[in-house]
PDB file of N, CA and C in Angstrom:
ATOM      1  N   UNK A   1       1.295  -1.271   1.479  1.00  0.00           N
ATOM      2  CA  UNK A   1       0.541  -0.059   1.217  1.00  0.00           C
ATOM      3  C   UNK A   1       0.795   0.361  -0.231  1.00  0.00           C
ATOM      4  N   UNK A   2      -0.260   0.598  -0.976  1.00  0.00           N
ATOM      5  CA  UNK A   2      -0.186   1.075  -2.354  1.00  0.00           C
ATOM      6  C   UNK A   2      -0.438   2.574  -2.341  1.00  0.00           C
ATOM      7  N   UNK A   3       0.446   3.323  -2.996  1.00  0.00           N
ATOM      8  CA  UNK A   3       0.288   4.775  -3.079  1.00  0.00           C
ATOM      9  C   UNK A   3       0.060   5.166  -4.529  1.00  0.00           C
ATOM     10  N   UNK A   4      -0.974   5.964  -4.757  1.00  0.00           N
ATOM     11  CA  UNK A   4      -1.254   6.492  -6.091  1.00  0.00           C
ATOM     12  C   UNK A   4      -1.300   8.007  -6.017  1.00  0.00           C
ATOM     13  N   UNK A   5      -0.713   8.639  -7.020  1.00  0.00           N
ATOM     14  CA  UNK A   5      -0.765  10.092  -7.156  1.00  0.00           C
ATOM     15  C   UNK A   5      -1.791  10.361  -8.251  1.00  0.00           C
ATOM     16  N   UNK A   6      -2.839  11.094  -7.904  1.00  0.00           N
ATOM     17  CA  UNK A   6      -3.928  11.332  -8.843  1.00  0.00           C
ATOM     18  C   UNK A   6      -3.937  12.812  -9.220  1.00  0.00           C
ATOM     19  N   UNK A   7      -3.693  13.095 -10.497  1.00  0.00           N
ATOM     20  CA  UNK A   7      -3.739  14.456 -11.032  1.00  0.00           C
ATOM     21  C   UNK A   7      -5.170  14.704 -11.494  1.00  0.00           C
ATOM     22  N   UNK A   8      -5.732  15.830 -11.054  1.00  0.00           N
ATOM     23  CA  UNK A   8      -7.162  16.058 -11.269  1.00  0.00           C
ATOM     24  C   UNK A   8      -7.419  17.415 -11.925  1.00  0.00           C
ATOM     25  N   UNK A   9      -8.207  17.406 -13.006  1.00  0.00           N
ATOM     26  CA  UNK A   9      -8.698  18.642 -13.611  1.00  0.00           C
ATOM     27  C   UNK A   9     -10.131  18.831 -13.131  1.00  0.00           C
ATOM     28  N   UNK A  10     -10.457  20.064 -12.744  1.00  0.00           N
ATOM     29  CA  UNK A  10     -11.777  20.348 -12.181  1.00  0.00           C
ATOM     30  C   UNK A  10     -12.384  21.592 -12.799  1.00  0.00           C
ATOM     31  N   UNK A  11     -13.608  21.860 -12.395  1.00  0.00           N
ATOM     32  CA  UNK A  11     -14.223  23.159 -12.687  1.00  0.00           C
ATOM     33  C   UNK A  11     -13.481  24.173 -11.820  1.00  0.00           C
ATOM     34  N   UNK A  12     -12.805  25.134 -12.444  1.00  0.00           N
ATOM     35  CA  UNK A  12     -11.938  26.037 -11.686  1.00  0.00           C
ATOM     36  C   UNK A  12     -12.681  26.919 -10.695  1.00  0.00           C
ATOM     37  N   UNK A  13     -13.944  27.147 -10.906  1.00  0.00           N
ATOM     38  CA  UNK A  13     -14.689  28.001  -9.986  1.00  0.00           C
ATOM     39  C   UNK A  13     -15.114  27.270  -8.709  1.00  0.00           C
ATOM     40  N   UNK A  14     -14.836  25.951  -8.632  1.00  0.00           N
ATOM     41  CA  UNK A  14     -15.259  25.162  -7.469  1.00  0.00           C
ATOM     42  C   UNK A  14     -14.118  24.359  -6.850  1.00  0.00           C
ATOM     43  N   UNK A  15     -12.881  24.758  -7.093  1.00  0.00           N
ATOM     44  CA  UNK A  15     -11.735  23.984  -6.623  1.00  0.00           C
ATOM     45  C   UNK A  15     -11.784  23.708  -5.118  1.00  0.00           C
ATOM     46  N   UNK A  16     -12.027  24.695  -4.248  1.00  0.00           N
ATOM     47  CA  UNK A  16     -12.029  24.394  -2.807  1.00  0.00           C
ATOM     48  C   UNK A  16     -13.076  23.356  -2.398  1.00  0.00           C
ATOM     49  N   UNK A  17     -14.277  23.461  -2.931  1.00  0.00           N
ATOM     50  CA  UNK A  17     -15.342  22.512  -2.584  1.00  0.00           C
ATOM     51  C   UNK A  17     -15.019  21.108  -3.098  1.00  0.00           C
ATOM     52  N   UNK A  18     -14.488  21.037  -4.296  1.00  0.00           N
ATOM     53  CA  UNK A  18     -14.133  19.745  -4.883  1.00  0.00           C
ATOM     54  C   UNK A  18     -12.992  19.109  -4.092  1.00  0.00           C
ATOM     55  N   UNK A  19     -11.996  19.908  -3.742  1.00  0.00           N
ATOM     56  CA  UNK A  19     -10.865  19.404  -2.958  1.00  0.00           C
ATOM     57  C   UNK A  19     -11.328  18.855  -1.612  1.00  0.00           C
ATOM     58  N   UNK A  20     -12.235  19.559  -0.946  1.00  0.00           N
ATOM     59  CA  UNK A  20     -12.747  19.099   0.342  1.00  0.00           C
ATOM     60  C   UNK A  20     -13.529  17.796   0.195  1.00  0.00           C
ATOM     61  N   UNK A  21     -14.314  17.676  -0.859  1.00  0.00           N
ATOM     62  CA  UNK A  21     -15.080  16.454  -1.090  1.00  0.00           C
ATOM     63  C   UNK A  21     -14.145  15.268  -1.349  1.00  0.00           C
ATOM     64  N   UNK A  22     -13.099  15.494  -2.119  1.00  0.00           N
ATOM     65  CA  UNK A  22     -12.139  14.425  -2.407  1.00  0.00           C
ATOM     66  C   UNK A  22     -11.371  14.053  -1.137  1.00  0.00           C
ATOM     67  N   UNK A  23     -10.967  15.038  -0.355  1.00  0.00           N
ATOM     68  CA  UNK A  23     -10.215  14.786   0.880  1.00  0.00           C
ATOM     69  C   UNK A  23     -11.021  13.962   1.881  1.00  0.00           C
ATOM     70  N   UNK A  24     -12.336  14.026   1.801  1.00  0.00           N
ATOM     71  CA  UNK A  24     -13.200  13.280   2.724  1.00  0.00           C
ATOM     72  C   UNK A  24     -13.362  11.804   2.341  1.00  0.00           C
ATOM     73  N   UNK A  25     -12.868  11.409   1.173  1.00  0.00           N
ATOM     74  CA  UNK A  25     -12.995  10.026   0.709  1.00  0.00           C
ATOM     75  C   UNK A  25     -11.988   9.147   1.442  1.00  0.00           C
ATOM     76  N   UNK A  26     -12.465   8.018   1.949  1.00  0.00           N
ATOM     77  CA  UNK A  26     -11.572   7.084   2.636  1.00  0.00           C
ATOM     78  C   UNK A  26     -10.527   6.569   1.656  1.00  0.00           C
ATOM     79  N   UNK A  27      -9.270   6.626   2.049  1.00  0.00           N
ATOM     80  CA  UNK A  27      -8.163   6.222   1.191  1.00  0.00           C
ATOM     81  C   UNK A  27      -7.406   7.405   0.636  1.00  0.00           C
ATOM     82  N   UNK A  28      -8.024   8.586   0.648  1.00  0.00           N
ATOM     83  CA  UNK A  28      -7.355   9.803   0.202  1.00  0.00           C
ATOM     84  C   UNK A  28      -6.696  10.418   1.427  1.00  0.00           C
ATOM     85  N   UNK A  29      -5.351  10.520   1.393  1.00  0.00           N
ATOM     86  CA  UNK A  29      -4.646  11.037   2.563  1.00  0.00           C
ATOM     87  C   UNK A  29      -4.436  12.543   2.495  1.00  0.00           C
ATOM     88  N   UNK A  30      -4.242  13.076   1.304  1.00  0.00           N
ATOM     89  CA  UNK A  30      -4.055  14.518   1.134  1.00  0.00           C
ATOM     90  C   UNK A  30      -4.581  14.949  -0.226  1.00  0.00           C
ATOM     91  N   UNK A  31      -4.948  16.218  -0.310  1.00  0.00           N
ATOM     92  CA  UNK A  31      -5.309  16.832  -1.589  1.00  0.00           C
ATOM     93  C   UNK A  31      -4.617  18.188  -1.626  1.00  0.00           C
ATOM     94  N   UNK A  32      -3.905  18.447  -2.721  1.00  0.00           N
ATOM     95  CA  UNK A  32      -3.186  19.708  -2.886  1.00  0.00           C
ATOM     96  C   UNK A  32      -3.780  20.494  -4.051  1.00  0.00           C
ATOM     97  N   UNK A  33      -3.958  21.783  -3.859  1.00  0.00           N
ATOM     98  CA  UNK A  33      -4.284  22.690  -4.952  1.00  0.00           C
ATOM     99  C   UNK A  33      -2.942  23.096  -5.566  1.00  0.00           C
ATOM    100  N   UNK A  34      -2.811  22.971  -6.884  1.00  0.00           N
ATOM    101  CA  UNK A  34      -1.516  23.183  -7.524  1.00  0.00           C
ATOM    102  C   UNK A  34      -1.630  24.084  -8.755  1.00  0.00           C
ATOM    103  N   UNK A  35      -0.491  24.576  -9.194  1.00  0.00           N
ATOM    104  CA  UNK A  35      -0.428  25.328 -10.439  1.00  0.00           C
ATOM    105  C   UNK A  35      -0.092  24.364 -11.567  1.00  0.00           C
ATOM    106  N   UNK A  36      -0.307  24.799 -12.781  1.00  0.00           N
ATOM    107  CA  UNK A  36       0.058  23.976 -13.930  1.00  0.00           C
ATOM    108  C   UNK A  36      -1.156  23.428 -14.648  1.00  0.00           C
ATOM    109  N   UNK A  37      -0.953  22.332 -15.339  1.00  0.00           N
ATOM    110  CA  UNK A  37      -1.980  21.730 -16.182  1.00  0.00           C
ATOM    111  C   UNK A  37      -3.160  21.200 -15.384  1.00  0.00           C
ATOM    112  N   UNK A  38      -2.891  20.704 -14.176  1.00  0.00           N
ATOM    113  CA  UNK A  38      -3.940  20.140 -13.332  1.00  0.00           C
ATOM    114  C   UNK A  38      -4.284  21.105 -12.206  1.00  0.00           C
ATOM    115  N   UNK A  39      -5.452  20.944 -11.638  1.00  0.00           N
ATOM    116  CA  UNK A  39      -5.915  21.830 -10.575  1.00  0.00           C
ATOM    117  C   UNK A  39      -5.649  21.271  -9.180  1.00  0.00           C
ATOM    118  N   UNK A  40      -5.730  19.945  -9.057  1.00  0.00           N
ATOM    119  CA  UNK A  40      -5.548  19.290  -7.771  1.00  0.00           C
ATOM    120  C   UNK A  40      -4.661  18.064  -7.934  1.00  0.00           C
ATOM    121  N   UNK A  41      -3.969  17.713  -6.859  1.00  0.00           N
ATOM    122  CA  UNK A  41      -3.230  16.459  -6.781  1.00  0.00           C
ATOM    123  C   UNK A  41      -3.685  15.766  -5.512  1.00  0.00           C
ATOM    124  N   UNK A  42      -4.149  14.526  -5.653  1.00  0.00           N
ATOM    125  CA  UNK A  42      -4.595  13.750  -4.492  1.00  0.00           C
ATOM    126  C   UNK A  42      -3.639  12.589  -4.275  1.00  0.00           C
ATOM    127  N   UNK A  43      -3.303  12.350  -3.022  1.00  0.00           N
ATOM    128  CA  UNK A  43      -2.503  11.188  -2.646  1.00  0.00           C
ATOM    129  C   UNK A  43      -3.470  10.140  -2.120  1.00  0.00           C
ATOM    130  N   UNK A  44      -3.462   8.988  -2.755  1.00  0.00           N
ATOM    131  CA  UNK A  44      -4.356   7.897  -2.359  1.00  0.00           C
ATOM    132  C   UNK A  44      -3.490   6.760  -1.836  1.00  0.00           C
ATOM    133  N   UNK A  45      -3.819   6.294  -0.636  1.00  0.00           N
ATOM    134  CA  UNK A  45      -3.074   5.199  -0.024  1.00  0.00           C
ATOM    135  C   UNK A  45      -4.062   4.110   0.399  1.00  0.00           C
ATOM    136  N   UNK A  46      -3.890   2.928  -0.204  1.00  0.00           N
ATOM    137  CA  UNK A  46      -4.787   1.798   0.068  1.00  0.00           C
ATOM    138  C   UNK A  46      -3.961   0.529   0.291  1.00  0.00           C
ATOM    139  N   UNK A  47      -4.608  -0.497   0.789  1.00  0.00           N
ATOM    140  CA  UNK A  47      -3.903  -1.751   1.098  1.00  0.00           C
ATOM    141  C   UNK A  47      -3.672  -2.631  -0.131  1.00  0.00           C
ATOM    142  N   UNK A  48      -4.608  -2.632  -1.067  1.00  0.00           N
ATOM    143  CA  UNK A  48      -4.519  -3.523  -2.219  1.00  0.00           C
ATOM    144  C   UNK A  48      -4.808  -2.755  -3.506  1.00  0.00           C
ATOM    145  N   UNK A  49      -4.259  -3.269  -4.614  1.00  0.00           N
ATOM    146  CA  UNK A  49      -4.504  -2.628  -5.910  1.00  0.00           C
ATOM    147  C   UNK A  49      -5.993  -2.549  -6.222  1.00  0.00           C
ATOM    148  N   UNK A  50      -6.741  -3.578  -5.846  1.00  0.00           N
ATOM    149  CA  UNK A  50      -8.173  -3.597  -6.130  1.00  0.00           C
ATOM    150  C   UNK A  50      -8.891  -2.417  -5.459  1.00  0.00           C
ATOM    151  N   UNK A  51      -8.359  -1.968  -4.323  1.00  0.00           N
ATOM    152  CA  UNK A  51      -8.965  -0.847  -3.607  1.00  0.00           C
ATOM    153  C   UNK A  51      -8.864   0.454  -4.391  1.00  0.00           C
ATOM    154  N   UNK A  52      -7.862   0.546  -5.273  1.00  0.00           N
ATOM    155  CA  UNK A  52      -7.728   1.764  -6.096  1.00  0.00           C
ATOM    156  C   UNK A  52      -8.960   1.973  -6.958  1.00  0.00           C
ATOM    157  N   UNK A  53      -9.523   0.885  -7.474  1.00  0.00           N
ATOM    158  CA  UNK A  53     -10.711   0.979  -8.328  1.00  0.00           C
ATOM    159  C   UNK A  53     -11.907   1.518  -7.552  1.00  0.00           C
ATOM    160  N   UNK A  54     -12.001   1.157  -6.292  1.00  0.00           N
ATOM    161  CA  UNK A  54     -13.098   1.657  -5.472  1.00  0.00           C
ATOM    162  C   UNK A  54     -12.935   3.145  -5.176  1.00  0.00           C
ATOM    163  N   UNK A  55     -11.691   3.578  -4.963  1.00  0.00           N
ATOM    164  CA  UNK A  55     -11.453   4.960  -4.564  1.00  0.00           C
ATOM    165  C   UNK A  55     -11.434   5.906  -5.763  1.00  0.00           C
ATOM    166  N   UNK A  56     -10.653   5.585  -6.796  1.00  0.00           N
ATOM    167  CA  UNK A  56     -10.440   6.570  -7.873  1.00  0.00           C
ATOM    168  C   UNK A  56     -11.621   6.597  -8.851  1.00  0.00           C
ATOM    169  N   UNK A  57     -11.835   5.561  -9.672  1.00  0.00           N
ATOM    170  CA  UNK A  57     -13.014   5.662 -10.544  1.00  0.00           C
ATOM    171  C   UNK A  57     -14.324   5.525  -9.784  1.00  0.00           C
ATOM    172  N   UNK A  58     -14.295   4.826  -8.664  1.00  0.00           N
ATOM    173  CA  UNK A  58     -15.513   4.602  -7.903  1.00  0.00           C
ATOM    174  C   UNK A  58     -16.011   5.813  -7.142  1.00  0.00           C
ATOM    175  N   UNK A  59     -15.092   6.684  -6.702  1.00  0.00           N
ATOM    176  CA  UNK A  59     -15.520   7.831  -5.894  1.00  0.00           C
ATOM    177  C   UNK A  59     -14.939   9.167  -6.362  1.00  0.00           C
ATOM    178  N   UNK A  60     -13.615   9.234  -6.542  1.00  0.00           N
ATOM    179  CA  UNK A  60     -12.993  10.515  -6.926  1.00  0.00           C
ATOM    180  C   UNK A  60     -13.586  11.021  -8.237  1.00  0.00           C
ATOM    181  N   UNK A  61     -13.647  10.164  -9.248  1.00  0.00           N
ATOM    182  CA  UNK A  61     -14.157  10.587 -10.561  1.00  0.00           C
ATOM    183  C   UNK A  61     -15.629  10.977 -10.534  1.00  0.00           C
ATOM    184  N   UNK A  62     -16.348  10.553  -9.504  1.00  0.00           N
ATOM    185  CA  UNK A  62     -17.779  10.850  -9.411  1.00  0.00           C
ATOM    186  C   UNK A  62     -18.091  12.103  -8.611  1.00  0.00           C
ATOM    187  N   UNK A  63     -17.060  12.752  -8.054  1.00  0.00           N
ATOM    188  CA  UNK A  63     -17.292  14.005  -7.331  1.00  0.00           C
ATOM    189  C   UNK A  63     -17.729  15.059  -8.351  1.00  0.00           C
ATOM    190  N   UNK A  64     -18.859  15.731  -8.127  1.00  0.00           N
ATOM    191  CA  UNK A  64     -19.305  16.760  -9.066  1.00  0.00           C
ATOM    192  C   UNK A  64     -18.234  17.832  -9.264  1.00  0.00           C
ATOM    193  N   UNK A  65     -17.922  18.105 -10.526  1.00  0.00           N
ATOM    194  CA  UNK A  65     -16.908  19.099 -10.851  1.00  0.00           C
ATOM    195  C   UNK A  65     -15.584  18.495 -11.274  1.00  0.00           C
ATOM    196  N   UNK A  66     -15.368  17.197 -11.003  1.00  0.00           N
ATOM    197  CA  UNK A  66     -14.153  16.527 -11.483  1.00  0.00           C
ATOM    198  C   UNK A  66     -14.342  16.250 -12.967  1.00  0.00           C
ATOM    199  N   UNK A  67     -13.436  16.788 -13.780  1.00  0.00           N
ATOM    200  CA  UNK A  67     -13.553  16.650 -15.231  1.00  0.00           C
ATOM    201  C   UNK A  67     -12.671  15.550 -15.801  1.00  0.00           C
ATOM    202  N   UNK A  68     -11.506  15.335 -15.180  1.00  0.00           N
ATOM    203  CA  UNK A  68     -10.548  14.355 -15.707  1.00  0.00           C
ATOM    204  C   UNK A  68      -9.561  13.993 -14.612  1.00  0.00           C
ATOM    205  N   UNK A  69      -9.142  12.725 -14.582  1.00  0.00           N
ATOM    206  CA  UNK A  69      -8.088  12.312 -13.668  1.00  0.00           C
ATOM    207  C   UNK A  69      -7.019  11.553 -14.429  1.00  0.00           C
ATOM    208  N   UNK A  70      -5.816  11.613 -13.898  1.00  0.00           N
ATOM    209  CA  UNK A  70      -4.681  10.860 -14.427  1.00  0.00           C
ATOM    210  C   UNK A  70      -3.983  10.256 -13.213  1.00  0.00           C
ATOM    211  N   UNK A  71      -3.866   8.938 -13.184  1.00  0.00           N
ATOM    212  CA  UNK A  71      -3.348   8.259 -12.005  1.00  0.00           C
ATOM    213  C   UNK A  71      -1.965   7.687 -12.255  1.00  0.00           C
ATOM    214  N   UNK A  72      -1.075   7.917 -11.298  1.00  0.00           N
ATOM    215  CA  UNK A  72       0.284   7.379 -11.325  1.00  0.00           C
ATOM    216  C   UNK A  72       0.468   6.546 -10.057  1.00  0.00           C
ATOM    217  N   UNK A  73       0.851   5.281 -10.217  1.00  0.00           N
ATOM    218  CA  UNK A  73       1.057   4.410  -9.064  1.00  0.00           C
ATOM    219  C   UNK A  73       2.535   4.418  -8.712  1.00  0.00           C
ATOM    220  N   UNK A  74       2.835   4.630  -7.447  1.00  0.00           N
ATOM    221  CA  UNK A  74       4.218   4.702  -6.978  1.00  0.00           C
ATOM    222  C   UNK A  74       4.792   3.301  -6.813  1.00  0.00           C
ATOM    223  N   UNK A  75       6.042   3.125  -7.256  1.00  0.00           N
ATOM    224  CA  UNK A  75       6.753   1.863  -7.053  1.00  0.00           C
ATOM    225  C   UNK A  75       7.495   1.866  -5.719  1.00  0.00           C
ATOM    226  N   UNK A  76       8.202   2.971  -5.442  1.00  0.00           N
ATOM    227  CA  UNK A  76       8.984   3.116  -4.218  1.00  0.00           C
ATOM    228  C   UNK A  76       8.835   4.522  -3.688  1.00  0.00           C
ATOM    229  N   UNK A  77       9.093   4.655  -2.393  1.00  0.00           N
ATOM    230  CA  UNK A  77       9.075   5.972  -1.770  1.00  0.00           C
ATOM    231  C   UNK A  77      10.492   6.328  -1.340  1.00  0.00           C
ATOM    232  N   UNK A  78      10.950   7.494  -1.734  1.00  0.00           N
ATOM    233  CA  UNK A  78      12.236   8.026  -1.303  1.00  0.00           C
ATOM    234  C   UNK A  78      11.935   9.308  -0.562  1.00  0.00           C
ATOM    235  N   UNK A  79      12.158   9.296   0.742  1.00  0.00           N
ATOM    236  CA  UNK A  79      11.776  10.452   1.539  1.00  0.00           C
ATOM    237  C   UNK A  79      12.802  10.720   2.615  1.00  0.00           C
ATOM    238  N   UNK A  80      13.295  11.926   2.683  1.00  0.00           N
ATOM    239  CA  UNK A  80      14.213  12.318   3.748  1.00  0.00           C
ATOM    240  C   UNK A  80      13.524  12.180   5.092  1.00  0.00           C
ATOM    241  N   UNK A  81      12.237  12.496   5.140  1.00  0.00           N
ATOM    242  CA  UNK A  81      11.460  12.375   6.374  1.00  0.00           C
ATOM    243  C   UNK A  81      11.479  10.934   6.877  1.00  0.00           C
ATOM    244  N   UNK A  82      11.275   9.959   5.987  1.00  0.00           N
ATOM    245  CA  UNK A  82      11.281   8.553   6.376  1.00  0.00           C
ATOM    246  C   UNK A  82      12.656   8.123   6.877  1.00  0.00           C
ATOM    247  N   UNK A  83      13.716   8.612   6.226  1.00  0.00           N
ATOM    248  CA  UNK A  83      15.065   8.266   6.653  1.00  0.00           C
ATOM    249  C   UNK A  83      15.365   8.828   8.037  1.00  0.00           C
ATOM    250  N   UNK A  84      14.964  10.064   8.283  1.00  0.00           N
ATOM    251  CA  UNK A  84      15.191  10.685   9.586  1.00  0.00           C
ATOM    252  C   UNK A  84      14.439   9.929  10.672  1.00  0.00           C
ATOM    253  N   UNK A  85      13.228   9.490  10.387  1.00  0.00           N
ATOM    254  CA  UNK A  85      12.430   8.750  11.376  1.00  0.00           C
ATOM    255  C   UNK A  85      13.103   7.412  11.685  1.00  0.00           C
ATOM    256  N   UNK A  86      13.641   6.748  10.684  1.00  0.00           N
ATOM    257  CA  UNK A  86      14.303   5.455  10.904  1.00  0.00           C
ATOM    258  C   UNK A  86      15.542   5.616  11.772  1.00  0.00           C
ATOM    259  N   UNK A  87      16.339   6.656  11.515  1.00  0.00           N
ATOM    260  CA  UNK A  87      17.533   6.876  12.326  1.00  0.00           C
ATOM    261  C   UNK A  87      17.166   7.271  13.755  1.00  0.00           C
ATOM    262  N   UNK A  88      16.061   7.952  13.924  1.00  0.00           N
ATOM    263  CA  UNK A  88      15.621   8.332  15.266  1.00  0.00           C
ATOM    264  C   UNK A  88      15.237   7.102  16.087  1.00  0.00           C
ATOM    265  N   UNK A  89      14.835   6.028  15.390  1.00  0.00           N
ATOM    266  CA  UNK A  89      14.485   4.783  16.083  1.00  0.00           C
ATOM    267  C   UNK A  89      15.712   3.912  16.351  1.00  0.00           C
ATOM    268  N   UNK A  90      16.870   4.336  15.841  1.00  0.00           N
ATOM    269  CA  UNK A  90      18.079   3.572  16.044  1.00  0.00           C
ATOM    270  C   UNK A  90      18.351   2.555  14.952  1.00  0.00           C
ATOM    271  N   UNK A  91      17.589   2.589  13.858  1.00  0.00           N
ATOM    272  CA  UNK A  91      17.825   1.683  12.743  1.00  0.00           C
ATOM    273  C   UNK A  91      18.925   2.256  11.863  1.00  0.00           C
ATOM    274  N   UNK A  92      19.893   1.439  11.532  1.00  0.00           N
ATOM    275  CA  UNK A  92      20.991   1.928  10.680  1.00  0.00           C
ATOM    276  C   UNK A  92      21.309   0.921   9.629  1.00  0.00           C
TER     277      UNK A  92
END
């Protein structure tokens, strides 16, 4: 599984509509409205690197109101939630 964190600048008067449109794209698992330089953060999870091109420039960037994106690809995931789930299964 490939995970990409996509920082998105949008038209500020349409953030909720833009976020909903992005969240409806296959491969986008979550969209967060955030403070700071960017307006939204989208988590994209796909099977192959090639799929990122279909999701991010192919669809996310084409949502009306999206002005700019910056994509960061995750190398590893460090999550307390994942560790707790593994221990609950008896993996040590």
